[in-house]
N, C-alpha and C. Protein backbone atom coordinates (compact mmCIF):
# COMPACT_ATOMS: atom_id res chain seq x y z
N MET A 1 -13.39 13.27 4.91
CA MET A 1 -13.10 12.12 4.09
C MET A 1 -12.44 12.56 2.78
N LYS A 2 -12.94 13.61 2.17
CA LYS A 2 -12.38 14.08 0.90
C LYS A 2 -10.90 14.43 1.05
N LYS A 3 -10.54 15.01 2.19
CA LYS A 3 -9.14 15.37 2.44
C LYS A 3 -8.25 14.12 2.40
N ASN A 4 -8.75 13.01 2.95
CA ASN A 4 -7.98 11.76 2.92
C ASN A 4 -7.68 11.34 1.49
N TYR A 5 -8.67 11.43 0.62
CA TYR A 5 -8.48 11.04 -0.77
C TYR A 5 -7.50 11.97 -1.48
N LEU A 6 -7.60 13.28 -1.21
CA LEU A 6 -6.69 14.23 -1.84
C LEU A 6 -5.24 13.98 -1.43
N VAL A 7 -5.02 13.70 -0.16
CA VAL A 7 -3.67 13.41 0.32
C VAL A 7 -3.17 12.09 -0.26
N THR A 8 -4.03 11.09 -0.33
CA THR A 8 -3.64 9.78 -0.85
C THR A 8 -3.24 9.88 -2.32
N LYS A 9 -3.88 10.73 -3.08
CA LYS A 9 -3.53 10.90 -4.49
C LYS A 9 -2.10 11.40 -4.67
N GLN A 10 -1.53 12.02 -3.64
CA GLN A 10 -0.19 12.58 -3.72
C GLN A 10 0.92 11.58 -3.42
N VAL A 11 0.59 10.38 -2.99
CA VAL A 11 1.60 9.37 -2.71
C VAL A 11 2.16 8.90 -4.06
N PRO A 12 3.47 9.10 -4.30
CA PRO A 12 4.05 8.75 -5.60
C PRO A 12 4.13 7.24 -5.82
N LYS A 13 4.24 6.86 -7.10
CA LYS A 13 4.45 5.46 -7.43
C LYS A 13 5.71 4.98 -6.75
N SER A 14 5.74 3.72 -6.39
CA SER A 14 6.87 3.06 -5.72
C SER A 14 7.12 3.60 -4.32
N LYS A 15 6.16 4.29 -3.74
CA LYS A 15 6.25 4.78 -2.37
C LYS A 15 4.98 4.37 -1.65
N VAL A 16 5.06 4.29 -0.33
CA VAL A 16 3.88 4.02 0.48
C VAL A 16 3.81 5.04 1.60
N SER A 17 2.65 5.16 2.18
CA SER A 17 2.43 6.03 3.32
C SER A 17 1.59 5.24 4.31
N THR A 18 1.54 5.71 5.54
CA THR A 18 0.72 5.03 6.54
C THR A 18 -0.47 5.91 6.87
N TYR A 19 -1.46 5.32 7.47
CA TYR A 19 -2.62 6.07 7.90
C TYR A 19 -3.25 5.39 9.11
N VAL A 20 -4.09 6.14 9.79
CA VAL A 20 -4.79 5.63 10.97
C VAL A 20 -6.27 5.53 10.63
N GLY A 21 -6.89 4.47 11.02
CA GLY A 21 -8.31 4.30 10.78
C GLY A 21 -8.60 3.56 9.50
N ASN A 22 -9.84 3.60 9.08
CA ASN A 22 -10.20 2.85 7.89
C ASN A 22 -10.94 3.72 6.87
N ALA A 23 -10.55 4.98 6.78
CA ALA A 23 -11.22 5.91 5.88
C ALA A 23 -11.13 5.49 4.42
N LEU A 24 -10.12 4.71 4.07
CA LEU A 24 -9.91 4.34 2.67
C LEU A 24 -10.43 2.96 2.31
N ASN A 25 -11.03 2.26 3.25
CA ASN A 25 -11.42 0.88 2.97
C ASN A 25 -12.57 0.74 1.98
N LYS A 26 -13.29 1.81 1.71
CA LYS A 26 -14.37 1.77 0.73
C LYS A 26 -14.15 2.86 -0.32
N ASN A 27 -12.94 2.98 -0.79
CA ASN A 27 -12.54 4.01 -1.74
C ASN A 27 -13.33 3.90 -3.04
N PRO A 28 -14.21 4.86 -3.32
CA PRO A 28 -14.98 4.82 -4.56
C PRO A 28 -14.22 5.40 -5.76
N PHE A 29 -13.00 5.88 -5.52
CA PHE A 29 -12.26 6.57 -6.57
C PHE A 29 -11.06 5.80 -7.11
N THR A 30 -11.01 4.50 -6.88
CA THR A 30 -9.93 3.68 -7.41
C THR A 30 -10.06 3.61 -8.92
N PRO A 31 -9.03 3.68 -9.72
CA PRO A 31 -7.61 3.77 -9.38
C PRO A 31 -7.08 5.19 -9.28
N GLU A 32 -7.92 6.22 -9.50
CA GLU A 32 -7.43 7.59 -9.42
C GLU A 32 -6.84 7.91 -8.05
N VAL A 33 -7.44 7.36 -7.01
CA VAL A 33 -6.91 7.49 -5.65
C VAL A 33 -6.31 6.12 -5.30
N PRO A 34 -4.98 5.99 -5.37
CA PRO A 34 -4.34 4.69 -5.19
C PRO A 34 -4.23 4.29 -3.72
N CYS A 35 -5.35 3.92 -3.12
CA CYS A 35 -5.38 3.64 -1.69
C CYS A 35 -4.49 2.46 -1.31
N TYR A 36 -4.15 1.59 -2.26
CA TYR A 36 -3.27 0.48 -1.91
C TYR A 36 -1.89 0.97 -1.48
N ARG A 37 -1.53 2.20 -1.81
CA ARG A 37 -0.23 2.74 -1.40
C ARG A 37 -0.21 3.18 0.05
N THR A 38 -1.31 3.05 0.75
CA THR A 38 -1.32 3.31 2.17
C THR A 38 -1.32 1.98 2.90
N VAL A 39 -0.46 1.86 3.87
CA VAL A 39 -0.32 0.61 4.61
C VAL A 39 -0.43 0.91 6.10
N LYS A 40 -0.50 -0.12 6.89
CA LYS A 40 -0.58 0.05 8.34
C LYS A 40 0.73 0.66 8.85
N SER A 41 0.68 1.26 10.01
CA SER A 41 1.85 1.95 10.56
C SER A 41 3.05 1.04 10.78
N ASP A 42 2.82 -0.28 10.85
CA ASP A 42 3.93 -1.22 11.00
C ASP A 42 4.36 -1.80 9.64
N SER A 43 3.92 -1.18 8.55
CA SER A 43 4.23 -1.56 7.16
C SER A 43 3.48 -2.80 6.67
N LEU A 44 2.61 -3.39 7.50
CA LEU A 44 1.81 -4.51 7.04
C LEU A 44 0.82 -4.03 5.99
N ILE A 45 0.54 -4.88 5.01
CA ILE A 45 -0.41 -4.54 3.97
C ILE A 45 -1.77 -4.24 4.57
N GLY A 46 -2.18 -5.02 5.53
CA GLY A 46 -3.48 -4.81 6.17
C GLY A 46 -4.60 -5.49 5.40
N GLY A 47 -5.78 -5.42 5.96
CA GLY A 47 -6.92 -6.05 5.32
C GLY A 47 -7.04 -7.51 5.70
N PHE A 48 -7.80 -8.23 4.92
CA PHE A 48 -8.05 -9.63 5.22
C PHE A 48 -6.99 -10.52 4.58
N PRO A 49 -6.46 -11.50 5.32
CA PRO A 49 -5.40 -12.36 4.80
C PRO A 49 -5.75 -13.04 3.47
N ASN A 50 -7.00 -13.38 3.24
CA ASN A 50 -7.34 -14.06 2.00
C ASN A 50 -7.29 -13.10 0.79
N ARG A 51 -7.06 -11.82 1.04
CA ARG A 51 -6.95 -10.85 -0.05
C ARG A 51 -5.51 -10.37 -0.27
N TYR A 52 -4.55 -10.88 0.53
CA TYR A 52 -3.17 -10.42 0.42
C TYR A 52 -2.60 -10.62 -0.98
N LYS A 53 -2.89 -11.77 -1.59
CA LYS A 53 -2.33 -12.04 -2.91
C LYS A 53 -2.74 -10.96 -3.91
N LYS A 54 -4.01 -10.62 -3.90
CA LYS A 54 -4.52 -9.58 -4.79
C LYS A 54 -3.92 -8.21 -4.44
N LYS A 55 -3.77 -7.95 -3.16
CA LYS A 55 -3.26 -6.65 -2.73
C LYS A 55 -1.77 -6.49 -3.00
N LYS A 56 -1.03 -7.60 -3.12
CA LYS A 56 0.41 -7.53 -3.36
C LYS A 56 0.74 -7.13 -4.80
N ALA A 57 -0.12 -7.46 -5.74
CA ALA A 57 0.16 -7.25 -7.16
C ALA A 57 0.55 -5.82 -7.51
N PRO A 58 -0.20 -4.79 -7.08
CA PRO A 58 0.19 -3.42 -7.45
C PRO A 58 1.55 -3.01 -6.89
N PHE A 59 1.88 -3.47 -5.67
CA PHE A 59 3.17 -3.15 -5.10
C PHE A 59 4.29 -3.74 -5.94
N LYS A 60 4.15 -5.00 -6.29
CA LYS A 60 5.17 -5.66 -7.10
C LYS A 60 5.30 -5.00 -8.46
N LYS A 61 4.19 -4.58 -9.04
CA LYS A 61 4.21 -3.92 -10.35
C LYS A 61 5.00 -2.62 -10.28
N GLU A 62 4.96 -1.96 -9.13
CA GLU A 62 5.69 -0.70 -8.96
C GLU A 62 7.11 -0.91 -8.43
N GLY A 63 7.54 -2.16 -8.32
CA GLY A 63 8.92 -2.44 -7.93
C GLY A 63 9.18 -2.53 -6.45
N LEU A 64 8.14 -2.58 -5.64
CA LEU A 64 8.32 -2.73 -4.20
C LEU A 64 8.33 -4.21 -3.83
N SER A 65 9.04 -4.55 -2.80
CA SER A 65 9.10 -5.93 -2.34
C SER A 65 8.22 -6.10 -1.11
N ILE A 66 7.77 -7.32 -0.93
CA ILE A 66 6.94 -7.66 0.23
C ILE A 66 7.55 -8.86 0.91
N ARG A 67 7.72 -8.73 2.22
CA ARG A 67 8.25 -9.83 3.02
C ARG A 67 7.38 -9.96 4.27
N ASN A 68 6.86 -11.16 4.51
CA ASN A 68 5.99 -11.41 5.66
C ASN A 68 4.80 -10.44 5.68
N ASN A 69 4.24 -10.20 4.49
CA ASN A 69 3.10 -9.29 4.32
C ASN A 69 3.39 -7.86 4.73
N LYS A 70 4.68 -7.48 4.74
CA LYS A 70 5.10 -6.11 4.99
C LYS A 70 5.73 -5.56 3.72
N VAL A 71 5.43 -4.31 3.41
CA VAL A 71 6.01 -3.66 2.25
C VAL A 71 7.36 -3.10 2.64
N ILE A 72 8.36 -3.41 1.83
CA ILE A 72 9.69 -2.84 2.04
C ILE A 72 10.03 -2.01 0.80
N SER A 73 10.71 -0.90 1.02
CA SER A 73 10.92 0.06 -0.06
C SER A 73 11.86 -0.43 -1.15
N SER A 74 12.75 -1.28 -0.83
CA SER A 74 13.66 -1.78 -1.85
C SER A 74 13.78 -3.29 -1.73
N PRO A 75 14.14 -3.95 -2.82
CA PRO A 75 14.28 -5.40 -2.74
C PRO A 75 15.32 -5.79 -1.69
N PRO A 76 15.15 -6.94 -1.06
CA PRO A 76 16.14 -7.37 -0.07
C PRO A 76 17.50 -7.58 -0.71
N GLN A 77 18.54 -7.20 0.02
CA GLN A 77 19.91 -7.37 -0.46
C GLN A 77 20.29 -8.84 -0.42
N GLN A 78 20.91 -9.30 -1.47
CA GLN A 78 21.41 -10.67 -1.51
C GLN A 78 22.80 -10.70 -0.86
N SER A 79 23.02 -11.60 0.06
CA SER A 79 24.34 -11.69 0.67
C SER A 79 25.23 -12.55 -0.23
N SER A 80 26.50 -12.15 -0.29
CA SER A 80 27.42 -12.88 -1.17
C SER A 80 28.31 -13.82 -0.41
């Protein structure tokens, strides 16, 4: 478990990583270990739908966009 936290601490701001399982769902080291930067392998935020609004805030603060509850690395391009 400790290894998961050490690796998660290395995810830079404005970036996300994926993980398997739920080792981070009870992270006692928040905010030092930014577990919100880990998302499901399909880029979905994950967790319970009634918590999506709260979970989206840190991503938006770091400049990431969210579409259909999926994190995208850059804002969507506007077509001209």
